[in-house]
PDB file of N, CA and C in Angstrom:
ATOM      1  N   MET A   1      15.757-179.673   7.963  1.00  0.00           N
ATOM      2  CA  MET A   1      15.572-179.225   6.811  1.00  0.00           C
ATOM      3  C   MET A   1      16.203-177.839   6.854  1.00  0.00           C
ATOM      4  N   LYS A   2      16.674-177.497   5.767  1.00  0.00           N
ATOM      5  CA  LYS A   2      17.173-176.130   5.507  1.00  0.00           C
ATOM      6  C   LYS A   2      16.410-175.455   4.350  1.00  0.00           C
ATOM      7  N   ALA A   3      16.339-174.148   4.511  1.00  0.00           N
ATOM      8  CA  ALA A   3      15.587-173.331   3.461  1.00  0.00           C
ATOM      9  C   ALA A   3      16.291-171.911   3.238  1.00  0.00           C
ATOM     10  N   ILE A   4      16.295-171.208   2.161  1.00  0.00           N
ATOM     11  CA  ILE A   4      16.829-170.054   1.889  1.00  0.00           C
ATOM     12  C   ILE A   4      15.487-169.093   1.551  1.00  0.00           C
ATOM     13  N   ILE A   5      15.033-168.226   2.322  1.00  0.00           N
ATOM     14  CA  ILE A   5      13.989-167.247   2.219  1.00  0.00           C
ATOM     15  C   ILE A   5      14.330-166.053   1.866  1.00  0.00           C
ATOM     16  N   ARG A   6      13.302-165.402   1.358  1.00  0.00           N
ATOM     17  CA  ARG A   6      13.533-163.801   1.217  1.00  0.00           C
ATOM     18  C   ARG A   6      12.589-163.083   2.213  1.00  0.00           C
ATOM     19  N   ILE A   7      13.004-162.275   3.011  1.00  0.00           N
ATOM     20  CA  ILE A   7      12.086-161.857   3.894  1.00  0.00           C
ATOM     21  C   ILE A   7      12.446-160.351   3.991  1.00  0.00           C
ATOM     22  N   GLN A   8      11.730-159.441   3.794  1.00  0.00           N
ATOM     23  CA  GLN A   8      11.910-158.102   3.918  1.00  0.00           C
ATOM     24  C   GLN A   8      12.975-157.440   3.138  1.00  0.00           C
ATOM     25  N   GLY A   9      13.192-158.103   2.017  1.00  0.00           N
ATOM     26  CA  GLY A   9      14.226-157.706   1.092  1.00  0.00           C
ATOM     27  C   GLY A   9      15.613-158.206   1.293  1.00  0.00           C
ATOM     28  N   LYS A  10      15.754-159.100   2.395  1.00  0.00           N
ATOM     29  CA  LYS A  10      17.068-160.088   2.599  1.00  0.00           C
ATOM     30  C   LYS A  10      16.779-161.500   2.398  1.00  0.00           C
ATOM     31  N   GLN A  11      17.939-161.969   2.199  1.00  0.00           N
ATOM     32  CA  GLN A  11      18.051-163.501   2.009  1.00  0.00           C
ATOM     33  C   GLN A  11      18.565-164.037   2.867  1.00  0.00           C
ATOM     34  N   LEU A  12      17.912-165.117   3.784  1.00  0.00           N
ATOM     35  CA  LEU A  12      18.487-165.627   5.137  1.00  0.00           C
ATOM     36  C   LEU A  12      18.362-167.088   4.697  1.00  0.00           C
ATOM     37  N   THR A  13      19.123-167.988   5.136  1.00  0.00           N
ATOM     38  CA  THR A  13      19.306-169.379   5.305  1.00  0.00           C
ATOM     39  C   THR A  13      18.831-169.944   6.538  1.00  0.00           C
ATOM     40  N   VAL A  14      17.935-170.738   6.822  1.00  0.00           N
ATOM     41  CA  VAL A  14      17.215-170.724   7.950  1.00  0.00           C
ATOM     42  C   VAL A  14      16.877-172.447   8.274  1.00  0.00           C
ATOM     43  N   SER A  15      16.868-172.855   9.263  1.00  0.00           N
ATOM     44  CA  SER A  15      16.460-174.242   9.623  1.00  0.00           C
ATOM     45  C   SER A  15      15.419-174.249  10.911  1.00  0.00           C
ATOM     46  N   GLU A  16      14.756-175.280  11.071  1.00  0.00           N
ATOM     47  CA  GLU A  16      13.514-175.318  12.071  1.00  0.00           C
ATOM     48  C   GLU A  16      14.470-175.161  13.569  1.00  0.00           C
ATOM     49  N   GLY A  17      13.707-173.907  14.333  1.00  0.00           N
ATOM     50  CA  GLY A  17      14.138-173.879  15.581  1.00  0.00           C
ATOM     51  C   GLY A  17      15.182-172.496  15.536  1.00  0.00           C
ATOM     52  N   ASN A  18      15.665-172.205  14.579  1.00  0.00           N
ATOM     53  CA  ASN A  18      16.281-170.776  14.392  1.00  0.00           C
ATOM     54  C   ASN A  18      15.713-169.761  14.862  1.00  0.00           C
ATOM     55  N   VAL A  19      16.256-168.769  15.766  1.00  0.00           N
ATOM     56  CA  VAL A  19      15.883-167.547  16.156  1.00  0.00           C
ATOM     57  C   VAL A  19      16.855-166.309  15.540  1.00  0.00           C
ATOM     58  N   PHE A  20      16.210-165.475  15.004  1.00  0.00           N
ATOM     59  CA  PHE A  20      16.793-164.364  14.457  1.00  0.00           C
ATOM     60  C   PHE A  20      15.923-163.149  14.535  1.00  0.00           C
ATOM     61  N   PHE A  21      16.676-161.969  14.177  1.00  0.00           N
ATOM     62  CA  PHE A  21      16.090-160.677  14.050  1.00  0.00           C
ATOM     63  C   PHE A  21      15.562-160.290  12.783  1.00  0.00           C
ATOM     64  N   VAL A  22      14.604-159.464  12.592  1.00  0.00           N
ATOM     65  CA  VAL A  22      13.979-158.938  11.322  1.00  0.00           C
ATOM     66  C   VAL A  22      13.378-157.573  11.599  1.00  0.00           C
ATOM     67  N   ASN A  23      13.351-156.564  10.608  1.00  0.00           N
ATOM     68  CA  ASN A  23      12.633-155.293  10.801  1.00  0.00           C
ATOM     69  C   ASN A  23      11.215-155.819  11.482  1.00  0.00           C
ATOM     70  N   ARG A  24      10.750-154.841  12.137  1.00  0.00           N
ATOM     71  CA  ARG A  24       9.530-155.093  12.952  1.00  0.00           C
ATOM     72  C   ARG A  24       8.372-155.191  12.034  1.00  0.00           C
ATOM     73  N   TYR A  25       7.282-156.346  12.067  1.00  0.00           N
ATOM     74  CA  TYR A  25       6.132-156.167  11.182  1.00  0.00           C
ATOM     75  C   TYR A  25       5.040-155.370  12.049  1.00  0.00           C
ATOM     76  N   ALA A  26       4.464-154.516  10.972  1.00  0.00           N
ATOM     77  CA  ALA A  26       3.611-153.597  11.480  1.00  0.00           C
ATOM     78  C   ALA A  26       2.370-154.532  12.083  1.00  0.00           C
ATOM     79  N   ASP A  27       1.935-153.845  13.223  1.00  0.00           N
ATOM     80  CA  ASP A  27       0.778-154.059  13.948  1.00  0.00           C
ATOM     81  C   ASP A  27       0.942-155.657  14.473  1.00  0.00           C
ATOM     82  N   SER A  28       2.177-155.901  14.858  1.00  0.00           N
ATOM     83  CA  SER A  28       2.216-157.517  15.278  1.00  0.00           C
ATOM     84  C   SER A  28       2.630-157.694  16.671  1.00  0.00           C
ATOM     85  N   GLN A  29       2.184-158.777  17.380  1.00  0.00           N
ATOM     86  CA  GLN A  29       2.218-158.911  18.784  1.00  0.00           C
ATOM     87  C   GLN A  29       3.105-160.293  19.140  1.00  0.00           C
ATOM     88  N   ALA A  30       3.687-160.205  20.035  1.00  0.00           N
ATOM     89  CA  ALA A  30       4.345-161.623  20.301  1.00  0.00           C
ATOM     90  C   ALA A  30       3.356-162.807  20.445  1.00  0.00           C
ATOM     91  N   GLY A  31       3.767-163.746  19.658  1.00  0.00           N
ATOM     92  CA  GLY A  31       2.817-165.006  19.738  1.00  0.00           C
ATOM     93  C   GLY A  31       2.215-165.016  18.237  1.00  0.00           C
ATOM     94  N   ASP A  32       2.346-163.923  17.522  1.00  0.00           N
ATOM     95  CA  ASP A  32       1.686-163.889  16.228  1.00  0.00           C
ATOM     96  C   ASP A  32       2.666-164.932  15.305  1.00  0.00           C
ATOM     97  N   ARG A  33       1.750-165.358  14.397  1.00  0.00           N
ATOM     98  CA  ARG A  33       2.374-166.319  13.170  1.00  0.00           C
ATOM     99  C   ARG A  33       2.471-165.382  11.922  1.00  0.00           C
ATOM    100  N   VAL A  34       3.791-165.608  11.246  1.00  0.00           N
ATOM    101  CA  VAL A  34       3.982-165.188  10.010  1.00  0.00           C
ATOM    102  C   VAL A  34       4.144-166.491   8.969  1.00  0.00           C
ATOM    103  N   GLU A  35       3.724-166.183   8.090  1.00  0.00           N
ATOM    104  CA  GLU A  35       4.103-167.370   7.023  1.00  0.00           C
ATOM    105  C   GLU A  35       4.693-166.676   5.568  1.00  0.00           C
ATOM    106  N   VAL A  36       6.077-167.247   5.370  1.00  0.00           N
ATOM    107  CA  VAL A  36       6.677-166.715   4.447  1.00  0.00           C
ATOM    108  C   VAL A  36       6.664-167.445   3.101  1.00  0.00           C
ATOM    109  N   LYS A  37       5.972-167.106   1.885  1.00  0.00           N
ATOM    110  CA  LYS A  37       5.945-167.777   0.521  1.00  0.00           C
ATOM    111  C   LYS A  37       7.143-167.710  -0.213  1.00  0.00           C
ATOM    112  N   GLU A  38       7.966-166.693  -0.108  1.00  0.00           N
ATOM    113  CA  GLU A  38       9.173-166.382  -0.942  1.00  0.00           C
ATOM    114  C   GLU A  38      10.349-167.229  -0.523  1.00  0.00           C
ATOM    115  N   VAL A  39      10.093-168.377  -0.908  1.00  0.00           N
ATOM    116  CA  VAL A  39      11.312-169.435  -0.457  1.00  0.00           C
ATOM    117  C   VAL A  39      12.149-170.039  -1.728  1.00  0.00           C
ATOM    118  N   LEU A  40      13.291-169.602  -1.810  1.00  0.00           N
ATOM    119  CA  LEU A  40      14.006-169.686  -2.758  1.00  0.00           C
ATOM    120  C   LEU A  40      14.865-171.288  -3.222  1.00  0.00           C
ATOM    121  N   LEU A  41      14.938-171.874  -1.837  1.00  0.00           N
ATOM    122  CA  LEU A  41      15.719-172.813  -2.037  1.00  0.00           C
ATOM    123  C   LEU A  41      15.069-173.985  -0.854  1.00  0.00           C
ATOM    124  N   VAL A  42      14.869-175.062  -0.964  1.00  0.00           N
ATOM    125  CA  VAL A  42      14.236-175.980   0.192  1.00  0.00           C
ATOM    126  C   VAL A  42      15.289-177.357  -0.005  1.00  0.00           C
ATOM    127  N   GLY A  43      15.520-177.812   1.226  1.00  0.00           N
ATOM    128  CA  GLY A  43      16.186-179.014   1.269  1.00  0.00           C
ATOM    129  C   GLY A  43      17.900-178.799   1.360  1.00  0.00           C
ATOM    130  N   GLU A  44      18.494-180.085   1.574  1.00  0.00           N
ATOM    131  CA  GLU A  44      19.902-180.042   1.349  1.00  0.00           C
ATOM    132  C   GLU A  44      20.365-181.098   0.385  1.00  0.00           C
ATOM    133  N   GLY A  45      21.820-181.094  -0.073  1.00  0.00           N
ATOM    134  CA  GLY A  45      22.390-181.763  -0.809  1.00  0.00           C
ATOM    135  C   GLY A  45      21.766-182.019  -2.167  1.00  0.00           C
ATOM    136  N   PRO A  46      21.699-183.227  -2.575  1.00  0.00           N
ATOM    137  CA  PRO A  46      21.349-183.540  -4.298  1.00  0.00           C
ATOM    138  C   PRO A  46      19.807-183.461  -4.106  1.00  0.00           C
ATOM    139  N   GLU A  47      18.938-183.668  -3.015  1.00  0.00           N
ATOM    140  CA  GLU A  47      17.319-183.702  -3.048  1.00  0.00           C
ATOM    141  C   GLU A  47      16.903-182.142  -2.847  1.00  0.00           C
ATOM    142  N   ALA A  48      17.962-181.206  -2.948  1.00  0.00           N
ATOM    143  CA  ALA A  48      17.415-179.896  -2.947  1.00  0.00           C
ATOM    144  C   ALA A  48      16.466-179.287  -4.119  1.00  0.00           C
ATOM    145  N   LYS A  49      15.364-178.641  -3.579  1.00  0.00           N
ATOM    146  CA  LYS A  49      14.544-178.000  -4.666  1.00  0.00           C
ATOM    147  C   LYS A  49      14.847-176.445  -4.808  1.00  0.00           C
ATOM    148  N   LEU A  50      15.322-176.080  -5.864  1.00  0.00           N
ATOM    149  CA  LEU A  50      15.622-174.707  -6.369  1.00  0.00           C
ATOM    150  C   LEU A  50      14.589-174.124  -6.970  1.00  0.00           C
ATOM    151  N   GLY A  51      14.015-172.887  -6.538  1.00  0.00           N
ATOM    152  CA  GLY A  51      12.914-172.282  -7.112  1.00  0.00           C
ATOM    153  C   GLY A  51      13.283-171.403  -8.393  1.00  0.00           C
ATOM    154  N   ASP A  52      12.296-170.998  -9.296  1.00  0.00           N
ATOM    155  CA  ASP A  52      12.650-170.083 -10.412  1.00  0.00           C
ATOM    156  C   ASP A  52      11.576-168.843 -10.375  1.00  0.00           C
ATOM    157  N   PRO A  53      11.650-168.028  -9.673  1.00  0.00           N
ATOM    158  CA  PRO A  53      12.225-167.452  -8.720  1.00  0.00           C
ATOM    159  C   PRO A  53      12.219-168.373  -7.233  1.00  0.00           C
ATOM    160  N   TYR A  54      10.839-168.878  -7.109  1.00  0.00           N
ATOM    161  CA  TYR A  54      10.466-169.318  -5.710  1.00  0.00           C
ATOM    162  C   TYR A  54       9.923-170.730  -6.065  1.00  0.00           C
ATOM    163  N   VAL A  55      10.266-171.566  -4.889  1.00  0.00           N
ATOM    164  CA  VAL A  55       9.664-173.060  -5.020  1.00  0.00           C
ATOM    165  C   VAL A  55       8.244-172.904  -4.789  1.00  0.00           C
ATOM    166  N   ALA A  56       7.363-173.544  -5.672  1.00  0.00           N
ATOM    167  CA  ALA A  56       5.955-173.761  -5.800  1.00  0.00           C
ATOM    168  C   ALA A  56       5.585-174.517  -4.542  1.00  0.00           C
ATOM    169  N   GLY A  57       4.664-173.892  -3.713  1.00  0.00           N
ATOM    170  CA  GLY A  57       4.016-174.577  -2.752  1.00  0.00           C
ATOM    171  C   GLY A  57       4.927-174.578  -1.257  1.00  0.00           C
ATOM    172  N   ALA A  58       6.331-174.259  -1.378  1.00  0.00           N
ATOM    173  CA  ALA A  58       6.936-174.229  -0.235  1.00  0.00           C
ATOM    174  C   ALA A  58       6.534-173.083   0.679  1.00  0.00           C
ATOM    175  N   ARG A  59       6.356-173.214   1.736  1.00  0.00           N
ATOM    176  CA  ARG A  59       6.217-172.189   2.878  1.00  0.00           C
ATOM    177  C   ARG A  59       7.059-172.294   4.001  1.00  0.00           C
ATOM    178  N   VAL A  60       7.335-171.177   4.811  1.00  0.00           N
ATOM    179  CA  VAL A  60       8.128-171.048   5.875  1.00  0.00           C
ATOM    180  C   VAL A  60       7.058-170.488   7.331  1.00  0.00           C
ATOM    181  N   HIS A  61       6.937-171.356   8.354  1.00  0.00           N
ATOM    182  CA  HIS A  61       6.239-170.670   9.058  1.00  0.00           C
ATOM    183  C   HIS A  61       7.079-169.913  10.463  1.00  0.00           C
ATOM    184  N   LEU A  62       6.819-168.792  10.805  1.00  0.00           N
ATOM    185  CA  LEU A  62       7.885-168.125  11.726  1.00  0.00           C
ATOM    186  C   LEU A  62       6.760-167.597  12.787  1.00  0.00           C
ATOM    187  N   ASN A  63       7.196-167.767  13.994  1.00  0.00           N
ATOM    188  CA  ASN A  63       6.749-167.093  15.220  1.00  0.00           C
ATOM    189  C   ASN A  63       7.223-166.184  15.756  1.00  0.00           C
ATOM    190  N   ILE A  64       6.397-164.928  16.053  1.00  0.00           N
ATOM    191  CA  ILE A  64       7.059-163.838  16.600  1.00  0.00           C
ATOM    192  C   ILE A  64       7.262-163.993  18.198  1.00  0.00           C
ATOM    193  N   LEU A  65       8.427-163.849  18.699  1.00  0.00           N
ATOM    194  CA  LEU A  65       8.898-164.061  20.180  1.00  0.00           C
ATOM    195  C   LEU A  65       8.435-162.966  20.853  1.00  0.00           C
ATOM    196  N   GLU A  66       9.158-161.669  20.335  1.00  0.00           N
ATOM    197  CA  GLU A  66       8.739-160.454  20.918  1.00  0.00           C
ATOM    198  C   GLU A  66       9.049-159.140  19.999  1.00  0.00           C
ATOM    199  N   ASN A  67       8.693-158.148  20.257  1.00  0.00           N
ATOM    200  CA  ASN A  67       9.154-156.998  19.443  1.00  0.00           C
ATOM    201  C   ASN A  67       9.974-155.968  20.286  1.00  0.00           C
ATOM    202  N   LYS A  68      11.122-155.521  20.179  1.00  0.00           N
ATOM    203  CA  LYS A  68      11.932-154.678  20.707  1.00  0.00           C
ATOM    204  C   LYS A  68      12.566-153.718  19.668  1.00  0.00           C
ATOM    205  N   ARG A  69      13.329-153.064  20.463  1.00  0.00           N
ATOM    206  CA  ARG A  69      14.102-151.925  19.868  1.00  0.00           C
ATOM    207  C   ARG A  69      15.712-152.130  19.858  1.00  0.00           C
ATOM    208  N   GLY A  70      16.624-152.221  18.958  1.00  0.00           N
ATOM    209  CA  GLY A  70      17.829-152.479  18.883  1.00  0.00           C
ATOM    210  C   GLY A  70      18.723-151.661  19.510  1.00  0.00           C
ATOM    211  N   LYS A  71      20.194-151.951  19.546  1.00  0.00           N
ATOM    212  CA  LYS A  71      21.056-150.965  20.303  1.00  0.00           C
ATOM    213  C   LYS A  71      21.209-149.571  19.544  1.00  0.00           C
ATOM    214  N   LYS A  72      21.342-148.576  20.498  1.00  0.00           N
ATOM    215  CA  LYS A  72      21.255-147.272  19.863  1.00  0.00           C
ATOM    216  C   LYS A  72      22.732-146.919  18.973  1.00  0.00           C
ATOM    217  N   LEU A  73      22.421-146.419  17.673  1.00  0.00           N
ATOM    218  CA  LEU A  73      23.548-146.052  16.918  1.00  0.00           C
ATOM    219  C   LEU A  73      23.618-144.370  16.887  1.00  0.00           C
ATOM    220  N   VAL A  74      24.872-144.014  17.010  1.00  0.00           N
ATOM    221  CA  VAL A  74      24.882-142.781  17.064  1.00  0.00           C
ATOM    222  C   VAL A  74      25.538-142.120  15.710  1.00  0.00           C
ATOM    223  N   VAL A  75      24.850-141.278  15.067  1.00  0.00           N
ATOM    224  CA  VAL A  75      25.329-140.725  14.011  1.00  0.00           C
ATOM    225  C   VAL A  75      25.936-139.365  14.187  1.00  0.00           C
ATOM    226  N   PHE A  76      27.203-139.096  13.838  1.00  0.00           N
ATOM    227  CA  PHE A  76      27.845-138.029  14.272  1.00  0.00           C
ATOM    228  C   PHE A  76      28.502-137.224  12.998  1.00  0.00           C
ATOM    229  N   LYS A  77      28.333-136.113  12.612  1.00  0.00           N
ATOM    230  CA  LYS A  77      28.401-135.226  11.512  1.00  0.00           C
ATOM    231  C   LYS A  77      29.470-134.108  11.973  1.00  0.00           C
ATOM    232  N   LYS A  78      30.571-133.688  11.307  1.00  0.00           N
ATOM    233  CA  LYS A  78      31.443-132.753  11.683  1.00  0.00           C
ATOM    234  C   LYS A  78      32.072-132.452  10.389  1.00  0.00           C
ATOM    235  N   LYS A  79      32.040-130.688  10.278  1.00  0.00           N
ATOM    236  CA  LYS A  79      32.999-130.321   9.257  1.00  0.00           C
ATOM    237  C   LYS A  79      34.164-129.478  10.118  1.00  0.00           C
ATOM    238  N   ARG A  80      35.096-129.937   9.876  1.00  0.00           N
ATOM    239  CA  ARG A  80      36.134-129.311  10.609  1.00  0.00           C
ATOM    240  C   ARG A  80      36.482-127.756  10.231  1.00  0.00           C
ATOM    241  N   ARG A  81      36.998-127.075  11.265  1.00  0.00           N
ATOM    242  CA  ARG A  81      37.127-125.512  11.069  1.00  0.00           C
ATOM    243  C   ARG A  81      36.034-124.708  10.783  1.00  0.00           C
ATOM    244  N   LYS A  82      34.832-125.487  10.677  1.00  0.00           N
ATOM    245  CA  LYS A  82      33.413-124.671  10.596  1.00  0.00           C
ATOM    246  C   LYS A  82      32.759-124.568  11.647  1.00  0.00           C
ATOM    247  N   GLY A  83      32.849-125.133  12.679  1.00  0.00           N
ATOM    248  CA  GLY A  83      32.185-124.935  13.888  1.00  0.00           C
ATOM    249  C   GLY A  83      30.794-125.841  13.831  1.00  0.00           C
ATOM    250  N   TYR A  84      30.907-126.776  12.801  1.00  0.00           N
ATOM    251  CA  TYR A  84      29.617-127.577  12.369  1.00  0.00           C
ATOM    252  C   TYR A  84      29.667-128.974  13.077  1.00  0.00           C
ATOM    253  N   GLU A  85      28.735-129.171  13.988  1.00  0.00           N
ATOM    254  CA  GLU A  85      28.517-130.682  14.503  1.00  0.00           C
ATOM    255  C   GLU A  85      27.251-130.747  14.866  1.00  0.00           C
ATOM    256  N   ARG A  86      27.025-132.167  14.464  1.00  0.00           N
ATOM    257  CA  ARG A  86      25.492-132.624  14.709  1.00  0.00           C
ATOM    258  C   ARG A  86      25.519-134.311  15.104  1.00  0.00           C
ATOM    259  N   LYS A  87      24.967-134.387  16.376  1.00  0.00           N
ATOM    260  CA  LYS A  87      24.879-135.715  16.993  1.00  0.00           C
ATOM    261  C   LYS A  87      23.371-136.053  16.780  1.00  0.00           C
ATOM    262  N   ARG A  88      23.149-137.459  16.299  1.00  0.00           N
ATOM    263  CA  ARG A  88      21.832-137.684  16.363  1.00  0.00           C
ATOM    264  C   ARG A  88      21.965-139.363  16.513  1.00  0.00           C
ATOM    265  N   GLY A  89      20.880-140.052  17.230  1.00  0.00           N
ATOM    266  CA  GLY A  89      20.767-141.098  17.430  1.00  0.00           C
ATOM    267  C   GLY A  89      19.749-141.970  16.750  1.00  0.00           C
ATOM    268  N   HIS A  90      19.766-143.223  16.766  1.00  0.00           N
ATOM    269  CA  HIS A  90      18.754-143.865  16.121  1.00  0.00           C
ATOM    270  C   HIS A  90      18.754-145.232  16.607  1.00  0.00           C
ATOM    271  N   ARG A  91      17.491-145.892  16.908  1.00  0.00           N
ATOM    272  CA  ARG A  91      17.172-147.027  17.444  1.00  0.00           C
ATOM    273  C   ARG A  91      16.409-147.846  16.518  1.00  0.00           C
ATOM    274  N   GLN A  92      16.720-148.950  15.792  1.00  0.00           N
ATOM    275  CA  GLN A  92      15.876-149.755  14.791  1.00  0.00           C
ATOM    276  C   GLN A  92      14.735-150.683  15.464  1.00  0.00           C
ATOM    277  N   GLU A  93      13.579-150.755  15.118  1.00  0.00           N
ATOM    278  CA  GLU A  93      12.374-151.318  15.518  1.00  0.00           C
ATOM    279  C   GLU A  93      12.467-152.906  15.127  1.00  0.00           C
ATOM    280  N   LEU A  94      12.922-153.712  16.009  1.00  0.00           N
ATOM    281  CA  LEU A  94      12.807-155.048  15.465  1.00  0.00           C
ATOM    282  C   LEU A  94      12.008-155.924  16.252  1.00  0.00           C
ATOM    283  N   SER A  95      11.805-157.138  15.466  1.00  0.00           N
ATOM    284  CA  SER A  95      11.049-158.364  15.861  1.00  0.00           C
ATOM    285  C   SER A  95      11.948-159.618  15.906  1.00  0.00           C
ATOM    286  N   VAL A  96      11.914-160.318  17.150  1.00  0.00           N
ATOM    287  CA  VAL A  96      12.514-161.695  17.179  1.00  0.00           C
ATOM    288  C   VAL A  96      11.586-162.529  16.653  1.00  0.00           C
ATOM    289  N   VAL A  97      12.112-163.441  15.763  1.00  0.00           N
ATOM    290  CA  VAL A  97      11.196-164.399  15.474  1.00  0.00           C
ATOM    291  C   VAL A  97      12.011-166.058  15.492  1.00  0.00           C
ATOM    292  N   ARG A  98      11.216-166.690  15.296  1.00  0.00           N
ATOM    293  CA  ARG A  98      11.683-168.278  15.525  1.00  0.00           C
ATOM    294  C   ARG A  98      10.894-169.146  14.335  1.00  0.00           C
ATOM    295  N   VAL A  99      11.913-169.947  13.701  1.00  0.00           N
ATOM    296  CA  VAL A  99      11.169-170.865  12.617  1.00  0.00           C
ATOM    297  C   VAL A  99      10.541-171.862  13.123  1.00  0.00           C
ATOM    298  N   GLU A 100       9.141-172.241  13.086  1.00  0.00           N
ATOM    299  CA  GLU A 100       8.280-173.313  13.521  1.00  0.00           C
ATOM    300  C   GLU A 100       8.603-174.546  12.600  1.00  0.00           C
ATOM    301  N   SER A 101       8.218-174.096  11.399  1.00  0.00           N
ATOM    302  CA  SER A 101       8.252-175.476  10.326  1.00  0.00           C
ATOM    303  C   SER A 101       8.575-174.826   9.095  1.00  0.00           C
ATOM    304  N   ILE A 102       9.012-175.950   8.319  1.00  0.00           N
ATOM    305  CA  ILE A 102       9.340-175.337   7.014  1.00  0.00           C
ATOM    306  C   ILE A 102       8.530-176.553   6.159  1.00  0.00           C
ATOM    307  N   VAL A 103       7.713-176.144   5.310  1.00  0.00           N
ATOM    308  CA  VAL A 103       7.150-177.092   4.141  1.00  0.00           C
ATOM    309  C   VAL A 103       7.216-176.880   3.026  1.00  0.00           C
ATOM    310  N   ALA A 104       7.806-178.189   2.389  1.00  0.00           N
ATOM    311  CA  ALA A 104       8.145-178.265   1.156  1.00  0.00           C
ATOM    312  C   ALA A 104       7.354-178.697   0.114  1.00  0.00           C
TER     313      ALA A 104
END
């Protein structure tokens, strides 16, 4: 079964067993469970249920596999002929989650 969920301001198409990255949940540990109630669509084909905006009673259960940091992004600013250069780095805090079940 597939579902389209809204999680942390993003829409994702998920099915059971999918593993993906999201921004880190505050105060979460590996092994914690998260329940997403913002389900926009559940099912496939003609029997799919479309929400307005969310499907009533539908939930997606996620399991946090690990918390980690993403790849380093380098932010480099320069103004030519002015002697201005600035180099900064950033690493995003991420949670790796797996879809355990989709309840329609």
